[in-house]
Amino acid sequence: KVLGVNIKTLQYQVPGGMLSNLVSQLKEAGQEDKYQDVLEE
């Protein structure tokens, strides 16, 4: 996954390592469906 192009980087100005951190934080909280909300926040 980290080898692909992630155009959301330009959209949300979020570094790649930070994106994977967010996914794991949401997974731990059982709220992976909130990913888009977090990106917008």
PDB file of all heavy atoms in Angstrom:
ATOM      1  N   LYS A   1       0.821  -1.223   0.000  1.00  0.00           N
ATOM      2  CA  LYS A   1       0.000   0.000   0.000  1.00  0.00           C
ATOM      3  C   LYS A   1       0.851   1.267   0.000  1.00  0.00           C
ATOM      4  O   LYS A   1       0.472   2.276  -0.582  1.00  0.00           O
ATOM      5  CB  LYS A   1      -0.917   0.026   1.231  1.00  0.00           C
ATOM      6  CG  LYS A   1      -2.167  -0.838   1.079  1.00  0.00           C
ATOM      7  CD  LYS A   1      -3.035  -0.695   2.318  1.00  0.00           C
ATOM      8  CE  LYS A   1      -4.255  -1.618   2.232  1.00  0.00           C
ATOM      9  NZ  LYS A   1      -5.029  -1.606   3.480  1.00  0.00           N
ATOM     10  N   VAL A   2       2.011   1.223   0.671  1.00  0.00           N
ATOM     11  CA  VAL A   2       2.834   2.439   0.762  1.00  0.00           C
ATOM     12  C   VAL A   2       3.608   2.701  -0.524  1.00  0.00           C
ATOM     13  O   VAL A   2       4.270   3.720  -0.666  1.00  0.00           O
ATOM     14  CB  VAL A   2       3.815   2.416   1.972  1.00  0.00           C
ATOM     15  CG1 VAL A   2       3.078   2.273   3.269  1.00  0.00           C
ATOM     16  CG2 VAL A   2       4.876   1.337   1.818  1.00  0.00           C
ATOM     17  N   LEU A   3       3.528   1.768  -1.479  1.00  0.00           N
ATOM     18  CA  LEU A   3       4.264   1.934  -2.736  1.00  0.00           C
ATOM     19  C   LEU A   3       3.438   2.632  -3.815  1.00  0.00           C
ATOM     20  O   LEU A   3       3.953   3.024  -4.847  1.00  0.00           O
ATOM     21  CB  LEU A   3       4.737   0.570  -3.253  1.00  0.00           C
ATOM     22  CG  LEU A   3       5.740  -0.147  -2.339  1.00  0.00           C
ATOM     23  CD1 LEU A   3       5.989  -1.566  -2.830  1.00  0.00           C
ATOM     24  CD2 LEU A   3       7.055   0.613  -2.263  1.00  0.00           C
ATOM     25  N   GLY A   4       2.142   2.759  -3.576  1.00  0.00           N
ATOM     26  CA  GLY A   4       1.272   3.384  -4.573  1.00  0.00           C
ATOM     27  C   GLY A   4       1.272   4.898  -4.471  1.00  0.00           C
ATOM     28  O   GLY A   4       1.916   5.489  -3.615  1.00  0.00           O
ATOM     29  N   VAL A   5       0.533   5.520  -5.374  1.00  0.00           N
ATOM     30  CA  VAL A   5       0.370   6.982  -5.356  1.00  0.00           C
ATOM     31  C   VAL A   5      -0.892   7.304  -4.561  1.00  0.00           C
ATOM     32  O   VAL A   5      -1.936   6.694  -4.773  1.00  0.00           O
ATOM     33  CB  VAL A   5       0.233   7.523  -6.798  1.00  0.00           C
ATOM     34  CG1 VAL A   5      -0.257   8.963  -6.795  1.00  0.00           C
ATOM     35  CG2 VAL A   5       1.572   7.423  -7.515  1.00  0.00           C
ATOM     36  N   ASN A   6      -0.771   8.233  -3.625  1.00  0.00           N
ATOM     37  CA  ASN A   6      -1.937   8.623  -2.829  1.00  0.00           C
ATOM     38  C   ASN A   6      -2.215  10.109  -3.042  1.00  0.00           C
ATOM     39  O   ASN A   6      -1.615  10.968  -2.414  1.00  0.00           O
ATOM     40  CB  ASN A   6      -1.701   8.332  -1.345  1.00  0.00           C
ATOM     41  CG  ASN A   6      -2.977   8.439  -0.546  1.00  0.00           C
ATOM     42  OD1 ASN A   6      -3.922   9.129  -0.948  1.00  0.00           O
ATOM     43  ND2 ASN A   6      -3.033   7.755   0.575  1.00  0.00           N
ATOM     44  N   ILE A   7      -3.127  10.406  -3.947  1.00  0.00           N
ATOM     45  CA  ILE A   7      -3.387  11.808  -4.315  1.00  0.00           C
ATOM     46  C   ILE A   7      -4.097  12.559  -3.192  1.00  0.00           C
ATOM     47  O   ILE A   7      -4.129  13.790  -3.170  1.00  0.00           O
ATOM     48  CB  ILE A   7      -4.155  11.887  -5.661  1.00  0.00           C
ATOM     49  CG1 ILE A   7      -3.852  13.228  -6.362  1.00  0.00           C
ATOM     50  CG2 ILE A   7      -5.647  11.645  -5.477  1.00  0.00           C
ATOM     51  CD1 ILE A   7      -2.419  13.401  -6.796  1.00  0.00           C
ATOM     52  N   LYS A   8      -4.612  11.811  -2.201  1.00  0.00           N
ATOM     53  CA  LYS A   8      -5.242  12.474  -1.047  1.00  0.00           C
ATOM     54  C   LYS A   8      -4.218  13.303  -0.276  1.00  0.00           C
ATOM     55  O   LYS A   8      -4.559  14.201   0.477  1.00  0.00           O
ATOM     56  CB  LYS A   8      -5.862  11.429  -0.109  1.00  0.00           C
ATOM     57  CG  LYS A   8      -7.218  10.923  -0.594  1.00  0.00           C
ATOM     58  CD  LYS A   8      -7.811   9.942   0.396  1.00  0.00           C
ATOM     59  CE  LYS A   8      -9.163   9.453  -0.106  1.00  0.00           C
ATOM     60  NZ  LYS A   8      -9.583   8.205   0.536  1.00  0.00           N
ATOM     61  N   THR A   9      -2.955  12.945  -0.463  1.00  0.00           N
ATOM     62  CA  THR A   9      -1.875  13.733   0.164  1.00  0.00           C
ATOM     63  C   THR A   9      -1.998  15.201  -0.223  1.00  0.00           C
ATOM     64  O   THR A   9      -1.880  16.088   0.626  1.00  0.00           O
ATOM     65  CB  THR A   9      -0.506  13.190  -0.302  1.00  0.00           C
ATOM     66  OG1 THR A   9      -0.412  11.834   0.089  1.00  0.00           O
ATOM     67  CG2 THR A   9       0.635  13.960   0.301  1.00  0.00           C
ATOM     68  N   LEU A  10      -2.215  15.464  -1.515  1.00  0.00           N
ATOM     69  CA  LEU A  10      -2.337  16.847  -1.977  1.00  0.00           C
ATOM     70  C   LEU A  10      -3.656  17.460  -1.522  1.00  0.00           C
ATOM     71  O   LEU A  10      -3.736  18.652  -1.228  1.00  0.00           O
ATOM     72  CB  LEU A  10      -2.238  16.904  -3.505  1.00  0.00           C
ATOM     73  CG  LEU A  10      -0.876  16.538  -4.098  1.00  0.00           C
ATOM     74  CD1 LEU A  10      -0.932  16.533  -5.616  1.00  0.00           C
ATOM     75  CD2 LEU A  10       0.210  17.496  -3.622  1.00  0.00           C
ATOM     76  N   GLN A  11      -4.680  16.623  -1.457  1.00  0.00           N
ATOM     77  CA  GLN A  11      -6.011  17.114  -1.090  1.00  0.00           C
ATOM     78  C   GLN A  11      -6.082  17.523   0.383  1.00  0.00           C
ATOM     79  O   GLN A  11      -6.636  18.561   0.729  1.00  0.00           O
ATOM     80  CB  GLN A  11      -7.022  15.994  -1.361  1.00  0.00           C
ATOM     81  CG  GLN A  11      -8.453  16.448  -1.473  1.00  0.00           C
ATOM     82  CD  GLN A  11      -9.362  15.267  -1.836  1.00  0.00           C
ATOM     83  OE1 GLN A  11      -8.900  14.203  -2.243  1.00  0.00           O
ATOM     84  NE2 GLN A  11     -10.641  15.452  -1.676  1.00  0.00           N
ATOM     85  N   TYR A  12      -5.488  16.676   1.264  1.00  0.00           N
ATOM     86  CA  TYR A  12      -5.602  16.937   2.707  1.00  0.00           C
ATOM     87  C   TYR A  12      -4.286  17.345   3.364  1.00  0.00           C
ATOM     88  O   TYR A  12      -4.245  17.575   4.562  1.00  0.00           O
ATOM     89  CB  TYR A  12      -6.157  15.694   3.419  1.00  0.00           C
ATOM     90  CG  TYR A  12      -7.536  15.333   2.931  1.00  0.00           C
ATOM     91  CD1 TYR A  12      -7.740  14.234   2.105  1.00  0.00           C
ATOM     92  CD2 TYR A  12      -8.651  16.106   3.272  1.00  0.00           C
ATOM     93  CE1 TYR A  12      -9.009  13.908   1.640  1.00  0.00           C
ATOM     94  CE2 TYR A  12      -9.915  15.786   2.811  1.00  0.00           C
ATOM     95  CZ  TYR A  12     -10.094  14.692   1.999  1.00  0.00           C
ATOM     96  OH  TYR A  12     -11.344  14.371   1.534  1.00  0.00           O
ATOM     97  N   GLN A  13      -3.203  17.386   2.573  1.00  0.00           N
ATOM     98  CA  GLN A  13      -1.871  17.763   3.074  1.00  0.00           C
ATOM     99  C   GLN A  13      -1.404  16.874   4.215  1.00  0.00           C
ATOM    100  O   GLN A  13      -0.809  17.333   5.184  1.00  0.00           O
ATOM    101  CB  GLN A  13      -1.873  19.227   3.533  1.00  0.00           C
ATOM    102  CG  GLN A  13      -2.198  20.195   2.427  1.00  0.00           C
ATOM    103  CD  GLN A  13      -2.119  21.620   2.905  1.00  0.00           C
ATOM    104  OE1 GLN A  13      -1.274  21.956   3.715  1.00  0.00           O
ATOM    105  NE2 GLN A  13      -2.985  22.459   2.405  1.00  0.00           N
ATOM    106  N   VAL A  14      -1.721  15.596   4.105  1.00  0.00           N
ATOM    107  CA  VAL A  14      -1.381  14.652   5.168  1.00  0.00           C
ATOM    108  C   VAL A  14      -0.234  13.753   4.706  1.00  0.00           C
ATOM    109  O   VAL A  14      -0.364  13.067   3.709  1.00  0.00           O
ATOM    110  CB  VAL A  14      -2.614  13.788   5.531  1.00  0.00           C
ATOM    111  CG1 VAL A  14      -2.263  12.768   6.588  1.00  0.00           C
ATOM    112  CG2 VAL A  14      -3.759  14.664   6.009  1.00  0.00           C
ATOM    113  N   PRO A  15       0.917  13.752   5.427  1.00  0.00           N
ATOM    114  CA  PRO A  15       2.017  12.863   5.042  1.00  0.00           C
ATOM    115  C   PRO A  15       1.598  11.394   5.096  1.00  0.00           C
ATOM    116  O   PRO A  15       0.707  11.024   5.881  1.00  0.00           O
ATOM    117  CB  PRO A  15       3.089  13.146   6.102  1.00  0.00           C
ATOM    118  CG  PRO A  15       2.697  14.417   6.752  1.00  0.00           C
ATOM    119  CD  PRO A  15       1.225  14.549   6.614  1.00  0.00           C
ATOM    120  N   GLY A  16       2.282  10.561   4.298  1.00  0.00           N
ATOM    121  CA  GLY A  16       1.938   9.138   4.209  1.00  0.00           C
ATOM    122  C   GLY A  16       1.931   8.426   5.552  1.00  0.00           C
ATOM    123  O   GLY A  16       1.021   7.660   5.867  1.00  0.00           O
ATOM    124  N   GLY A  17       2.976   8.681   6.373  1.00  0.00           N
ATOM    125  CA  GLY A  17       3.069   8.021   7.684  1.00  0.00           C
ATOM    126  C   GLY A  17       1.920   8.408   8.591  1.00  0.00           C
ATOM    127  O   GLY A  17       1.430   7.603   9.392  1.00  0.00           O
ATOM    128  N   MET A  18       1.464   9.637   8.447  1.00  0.00           N
ATOM    129  CA  MET A  18       0.344  10.127   9.265  1.00  0.00           C
ATOM    130  C   MET A  18      -0.957   9.427   8.860  1.00  0.00           C
ATOM    131  O   MET A  18      -1.789   9.094   9.712  1.00  0.00           O
ATOM    132  CB  MET A  18       0.231  11.632   9.079  1.00  0.00           C
ATOM    133  CG  MET A  18      -0.757  12.304   9.992  1.00  0.00           C
ATOM    134  SD  MET A  18      -0.664  14.086   9.707  1.00  0.00           S
ATOM    135  CE  MET A  18      -2.160  14.616  10.514  1.00  0.00           C
ATOM    136  N   LEU A  19      -1.131   9.173   7.555  1.00  0.00           N
ATOM    137  CA  LEU A  19      -2.333   8.467   7.083  1.00  0.00           C
ATOM    138  C   LEU A  19      -2.432   7.085   7.711  1.00  0.00           C
ATOM    139  O   LEU A  19      -3.488   6.671   8.186  1.00  0.00           O
ATOM    140  CB  LEU A  19      -2.305   8.335   5.550  1.00  0.00           C
ATOM    141  CG  LEU A  19      -2.693   9.563   4.725  1.00  0.00           C
ATOM    142  CD1 LEU A  19      -2.452   9.308   3.250  1.00  0.00           C
ATOM    143  CD2 LEU A  19      -4.150   9.943   4.942  1.00  0.00           C
ATOM    144  N   SER A  20      -1.292   6.345   7.715  1.00  0.00           N
ATOM    145  CA  SER A  20      -1.337   4.992   8.281  1.00  0.00           C
ATOM    146  C   SER A  20      -1.586   5.028   9.788  1.00  0.00           C
ATOM    147  O   SER A  20      -2.239   4.152  10.346  1.00  0.00           O
ATOM    148  CB  SER A  20      -0.063   4.215   7.944  1.00  0.00           C
ATOM    149  OG  SER A  20       1.070   4.954   8.286  1.00  0.00           O
ATOM    150  N   ASN A  21      -1.078   6.084  10.472  1.00  0.00           N
ATOM    151  CA  ASN A  21      -1.345   6.259  11.904  1.00  0.00           C
ATOM    152  C   ASN A  21      -2.839   6.420  12.169  1.00  0.00           C
ATOM    153  O   ASN A  21      -3.391   5.846  13.111  1.00  0.00           O
ATOM    154  CB  ASN A  21      -0.655   7.535  12.416  1.00  0.00           C
ATOM    155  CG  ASN A  21       0.646   7.239  13.105  1.00  0.00           C
ATOM    156  OD1 ASN A  21       1.048   6.089  13.219  1.00  0.00           O
ATOM    157  ND2 ASN A  21       1.311   8.275  13.547  1.00  0.00           N
ATOM    158  N   LEU A  22      -3.486   7.241  11.332  1.00  0.00           N
ATOM    159  CA  LEU A  22      -4.925   7.504  11.496  1.00  0.00           C
ATOM    160  C   LEU A  22      -5.725   6.225  11.347  1.00  0.00           C
ATOM    161  O   LEU A  22      -6.635   5.954  12.131  1.00  0.00           O
ATOM    162  CB  LEU A  22      -5.413   8.503  10.433  1.00  0.00           C
ATOM    163  CG  LEU A  22      -4.825   9.906  10.455  1.00  0.00           C
ATOM    164  CD1 LEU A  22      -5.401  10.735   9.326  1.00  0.00           C
ATOM    165  CD2 LEU A  22      -5.091  10.583  11.785  1.00  0.00           C
ATOM    166  N   VAL A  23      -5.353   5.432  10.331  1.00  0.00           N
ATOM    167  CA  VAL A  23      -6.071   4.176  10.088  1.00  0.00           C
ATOM    168  C   VAL A  23      -5.975   3.278  11.311  1.00  0.00           C
ATOM    169  O   VAL A  23      -6.973   2.713  11.769  1.00  0.00           O
ATOM    170  CB  VAL A  23      -5.510   3.457   8.828  1.00  0.00           C
ATOM    171  CG1 VAL A  23      -6.133   2.077   8.676  1.00  0.00           C
ATOM    172  CG2 VAL A  23      -5.789   4.290   7.574  1.00  0.00           C
ATOM    173  N   SER A  24      -4.746   3.156  11.890  1.00  0.00           N
ATOM    174  CA  SER A  24      -4.590   2.256  13.047  1.00  0.00           C
ATOM    175  C   SER A  24      -5.319   2.796  14.279  1.00  0.00           C
ATOM    176  O   SER A  24      -5.893   2.030  15.051  1.00  0.00           O
ATOM    177  CB  SER A  24      -3.119   1.982  13.346  1.00  0.00           C
ATOM    178  OG  SER A  24      -2.454   3.154  13.717  1.00  0.00           O
ATOM    179  N   GLN A  25      -5.330   4.135  14.466  1.00  0.00           N
ATOM    180  CA  GLN A  25      -6.050   4.718  15.610  1.00  0.00           C
ATOM    181  C   GLN A  25      -7.556   4.440  15.501  1.00  0.00           C
ATOM    182  O   GLN A  25      -8.206   4.087  16.483  1.00  0.00           O
ATOM    183  CB  GLN A  25      -5.809   6.231  15.685  1.00  0.00           C
ATOM    184  CG  GLN A  25      -4.446   6.598  16.251  1.00  0.00           C
ATOM    185  CD  GLN A  25      -4.209   8.110  16.272  1.00  0.00           C
ATOM    186  OE1 GLN A  25      -4.906   8.881  15.620  1.00  0.00           O
ATOM    187  NE2 GLN A  25      -3.211   8.538  17.008  1.00  0.00           N
ATOM    188  N   LEU A  26      -8.098   4.596  14.295  1.00  0.00           N
ATOM    189  CA  LEU A  26      -9.528   4.355  14.087  1.00  0.00           C
ATOM    190  C   LEU A  26      -9.862   2.870  14.218  1.00  0.00           C
ATOM    191  O   LEU A  26     -10.917   2.504  14.745  1.00  0.00           O
ATOM    192  CB  LEU A  26      -9.963   4.879  12.707  1.00  0.00           C
ATOM    193  CG  LEU A  26     -10.006   6.402  12.569  1.00  0.00           C
ATOM    194  CD1 LEU A  26     -10.177   6.809  11.119  1.00  0.00           C
ATOM    195  CD2 LEU A  26     -11.128   7.007  13.417  1.00  0.00           C
ATOM    196  N   LYS A  27      -8.944   2.021  13.761  1.00  0.00           N
ATOM    197  CA  LYS A  27      -9.151   0.573  13.850  1.00  0.00           C
ATOM    198  C   LYS A  27      -9.239   0.156  15.320  1.00  0.00           C
ATOM    199  O   LYS A  27     -10.111  -0.612  15.717  1.00  0.00           O
ATOM    200  CB  LYS A  27      -7.987  -0.141  13.156  1.00  0.00           C
ATOM    201  CG  LYS A  27      -8.295  -1.573  12.745  1.00  0.00           C
ATOM    202  CD  LYS A  27      -7.152  -2.132  11.893  1.00  0.00           C
ATOM    203  CE  LYS A  27      -7.498  -3.529  11.412  1.00  0.00           C
ATOM    204  NZ  LYS A  27      -6.407  -4.064  10.555  1.00  0.00           N
ATOM    205  N   GLU A  28      -8.302   0.684  16.129  1.00  0.00           N
ATOM    206  CA  GLU A  28      -8.293   0.375  17.570  1.00  0.00           C
ATOM    207  C   GLU A  28      -9.599   0.791  18.231  1.00  0.00           C
ATOM    208  O   GLU A  28     -10.094   0.129  19.144  1.00  0.00           O
ATOM    209  CB  GLU A  28      -7.129   1.107  18.263  1.00  0.00           C
ATOM    210  CG  GLU A  28      -5.832   0.320  18.247  1.00  0.00           C
ATOM    211  CD  GLU A  28      -4.683   1.125  18.845  1.00  0.00           C
ATOM    212  OE1 GLU A  28      -4.905   1.784  19.875  1.00  0.00           O
ATOM    213  OE2 GLU A  28      -3.575   1.089  18.276  1.00  0.00           O
ATOM    214  N   ALA A  29     -10.167   1.901  17.769  1.00  0.00           N
ATOM    215  CA  ALA A  29     -11.411   2.403  18.366  1.00  0.00           C
ATOM    216  C   ALA A  29     -12.646   1.766  17.719  1.00  0.00           C
ATOM    217  O   ALA A  29     -13.780   2.087  18.102  1.00  0.00           O
ATOM    218  CB  ALA A  29     -11.474   3.922  18.210  1.00  0.00           C
ATOM    219  N   GLY A  30     -12.413   0.876  16.740  1.00  0.00           N
ATOM    220  CA  GLY A  30     -13.537   0.233  16.044  1.00  0.00           C
ATOM    221  C   GLY A  30     -14.377   1.226  15.253  1.00  0.00           C
ATOM    222  O   GLY A  30     -15.587   1.065  15.092  1.00  0.00           O
ATOM    223  N   GLN A  31     -13.734   2.289  14.740  1.00  0.00           N
ATOM    224  CA  GLN A  31     -14.484   3.334  14.016  1.00  0.00           C
ATOM    225  C   GLN A  31     -13.846   3.638  12.660  1.00  0.00           C
ATOM    226  O   GLN A  31     -13.700   4.798  12.269  1.00  0.00           O
ATOM    227  CB  GLN A  31     -14.530   4.609  14.874  1.00  0.00           C
ATOM    228  CG  GLN A  31     -15.100   4.376  16.255  1.00  0.00           C
ATOM    229  CD  GLN A  31     -16.098   5.461  16.643  1.00  0.00           C
ATOM    230  OE1 GLN A  31     -16.660   6.148  15.818  1.00  0.00           O
ATOM    231  NE2 GLN A  31     -16.307   5.601  17.935  1.00  0.00           N
ATOM    232  N   GLU A  32     -13.476   2.580  11.956  1.00  0.00           N
ATOM    233  CA  GLU A  32     -12.821   2.764  10.656  1.00  0.00           C
ATOM    234  C   GLU A  32     -13.710   3.488   9.648  1.00  0.00           C
ATOM    235  O   GLU A  32     -13.209   4.112   8.708  1.00  0.00           O
ATOM    236  CB  GLU A  32     -12.402   1.400  10.087  1.00  0.00           C
ATOM    237  CG  GLU A  32     -11.219   0.798  10.832  1.00  0.00           C
ATOM    238  CD  GLU A  32     -10.937  -0.640  10.413  1.00  0.00           C
ATOM    239  OE1 GLU A  32     -10.161  -0.825   9.464  1.00  0.00           O
ATOM    240  OE2 GLU A  32     -11.498  -1.569  11.026  1.00  0.00           O
ATOM    241  N   ASP A  33     -15.010   3.415   9.861  1.00  0.00           N
ATOM    242  CA  ASP A  33     -15.943   4.085   8.941  1.00  0.00           C
ATOM    243  C   ASP A  33     -15.849   5.608   9.042  1.00  0.00           C
ATOM    244  O   ASP A  33     -16.410   6.336   8.222  1.00  0.00           O
ATOM    245  CB  ASP A  33     -17.389   3.630   9.227  1.00  0.00           C
ATOM    246  CG  ASP A  33     -17.809   3.929  10.660  1.00  0.00           C
ATOM    247  OD1 ASP A  33     -16.972   3.758  11.573  1.00  0.00           O
ATOM    248  OD2 ASP A  33     -18.966   4.333  10.874  1.00  0.00           O
ATOM    249  N   LYS A  34     -15.128   6.103  10.065  1.00  0.00           N
ATOM    250  CA  LYS A  34     -15.015   7.564  10.266  1.00  0.00           C
ATOM    251  C   LYS A  34     -13.775   8.153   9.565  1.00  0.00           C
ATOM    252  O   LYS A  34     -13.429   9.317   9.792  1.00  0.00           O
ATOM    253  CB  LYS A  34     -14.936   7.877  11.781  1.00  0.00           C
ATOM    254  CG  LYS A  34     -16.173   7.424  12.554  1.00  0.00           C
ATOM    255  CD  LYS A  34     -17.238   8.475  12.509  1.00  0.00           C
ATOM    256  CE  LYS A  34     -18.532   8.153  13.210  1.00  0.00           C
ATOM    257  NZ  LYS A  34     -18.541   7.423  14.410  1.00  0.00           N
ATOM    258  N   TYR A  35     -13.091   7.347   8.770  1.00  0.00           N
ATOM    259  CA  TYR A  35     -11.828   7.773   8.121  1.00  0.00           C
ATOM    260  C   TYR A  35     -12.006   9.077   7.337  1.00  0.00           C
ATOM    261  O   TYR A  35     -11.233  10.026   7.499  1.00  0.00           O
ATOM    262  CB  TYR A  35     -11.342   6.651   7.190  1.00  0.00           C
ATOM    263  CG  TYR A  35     -10.042   6.934   6.471  1.00  0.00           C
ATOM    264  CD1 TYR A  35      -8.855   7.146   7.172  1.00  0.00           C
ATOM    265  CD2 TYR A  35      -9.985   6.977   5.072  1.00  0.00           C
ATOM    266  CE1 TYR A  35      -7.661   7.400   6.505  1.00  0.00           C
ATOM    267  CE2 TYR A  35      -8.795   7.226   4.402  1.00  0.00           C
ATOM    268  CZ  TYR A  35      -7.638   7.433   5.126  1.00  0.00           C
ATOM    269  OH  TYR A  35      -6.457   7.680   4.461  1.00  0.00           O
ATOM    270  N   GLN A  36     -13.029   9.144   6.513  1.00  0.00           N
ATOM    271  CA  GLN A  36     -13.262  10.330   5.689  1.00  0.00           C
ATOM    272  C   GLN A  36     -13.538  11.559   6.564  1.00  0.00           C
ATOM    273  O   GLN A  36     -13.035  12.660   6.293  1.00  0.00           O
ATOM    274  CB  GLN A  36     -14.439  10.093   4.727  1.00  0.00           C
ATOM    275  CG  GLN A  36     -14.623  11.168   3.651  1.00  0.00           C
ATOM    276  CD  GLN A  36     -13.412  11.352   2.736  1.00  0.00           C
ATOM    277  OE1 GLN A  36     -12.718  10.393   2.403  1.00  0.00           O
ATOM    278  NE2 GLN A  36     -13.129  12.590   2.355  1.00  0.00           N
ATOM    279  N   ASP A  37     -14.297  11.353   7.640  1.00  0.00           N
ATOM    280  CA  ASP A  37     -14.604  12.459   8.566  1.00  0.00           C
ATOM    281  C   ASP A  37     -13.316  13.016   9.187  1.00  0.00           C
ATOM    282  O   ASP A  37     -13.157  14.227   9.336  1.00  0.00           O
ATOM    283  CB  ASP A  37     -15.535  11.986   9.698  1.00  0.00           C
ATOM    284  CG  ASP A  37     -16.907  11.572   9.180  1.00  0.00           C
ATOM    285  OD1 ASP A  37     -17.251  11.991   8.059  1.00  0.00           O
ATOM    286  OD2 ASP A  37     -17.611  10.827   9.878  1.00  0.00           O
ATOM    287  N   VAL A  38     -12.396  12.080   9.545  1.00  0.00           N
ATOM    288  CA  VAL A  38     -11.132  12.508  10.156  1.00  0.00           C
ATOM    289  C   VAL A  38     -10.286  13.286   9.142  1.00  0.00           C
ATOM    290  O   VAL A  38      -9.708  14.326   9.464  1.00  0.00           O
ATOM    291  CB  VAL A  38     -10.347  11.298  10.715  1.00  0.00           C
ATOM    292  CG1 VAL A  38      -8.941  11.709  11.148  1.00  0.00           C
ATOM    293  CG2 VAL A  38     -11.085  10.681  11.898  1.00  0.00           C
ATOM    294  N   LEU A  39     -10.238  12.795   7.896  1.00  0.00           N
ATOM    295  CA  LEU A  39      -9.479  13.500   6.853  1.00  0.00           C
ATOM    296  C   LEU A  39      -9.984  14.935   6.673  1.00  0.00           C
ATOM    297  O   LEU A  39      -9.201  15.854   6.444  1.00  0.00           O
ATOM    298  CB  LEU A  39      -9.585  12.756   5.516  1.00  0.00           C
ATOM    299  CG  LEU A  39      -8.669  11.548   5.317  1.00  0.00           C
ATOM    300  CD1 LEU A  39      -8.882  10.943   3.935  1.00  0.00           C
ATOM    301  CD2 LEU A  39      -7.190  11.914   5.477  1.00  0.00           C
ATOM    302  N   GLU A  40     -11.302  15.099   6.782  1.00  0.00           N
ATOM    303  CA  GLU A  40     -11.874  16.438   6.621  1.00  0.00           C
ATOM    304  C   GLU A  40     -11.670  17.309   7.869  1.00  0.00           C
ATOM    305  O   GLU A  40     -11.635  18.534   7.779  1.00  0.00           O
ATOM    306  CB  GLU A  40     -13.368  16.324   6.275  1.00  0.00           C
ATOM    307  CG  GLU A  40     -13.568  15.850   4.836  1.00  0.00           C
ATOM    308  CD  GLU A  40     -14.977  15.379   4.523  1.00  0.00           C
ATOM    309  OE1 GLU A  40     -15.885  15.639   5.344  1.00  0.00           O
ATOM    310  OE2 GLU A  40     -15.166  14.743   3.464  1.00  0.00           O
ATOM    311  N   GLU A  41     -11.523  16.652   9.018  1.00  0.00           N
ATOM    312  CA  GLU A  41     -11.323  17.379  10.279  1.00  0.00           C
ATOM    313  C   GLU A  41      -9.878  17.883  10.415  1.00  0.00           C
ATOM    314  O   GLU A  41      -9.635  18.925  11.040  1.00  0.00           O
ATOM    315  CB  GLU A  41     -11.692  16.467  11.462  1.00  0.00           C
ATOM    316  CG  GLU A  41     -11.456  17.045  12.852  1.00  0.00           C
ATOM    317  CD  GLU A  41     -12.312  18.272  13.198  1.00  0.00           C
ATOM    318  OE1 GLU A  41     -13.144  18.719  12.374  1.00  0.00           O
ATOM    319  OE2 GLU A  41     -12.146  18.805  14.312  1.00  0.00           O
TER     320      GLU A  41
END
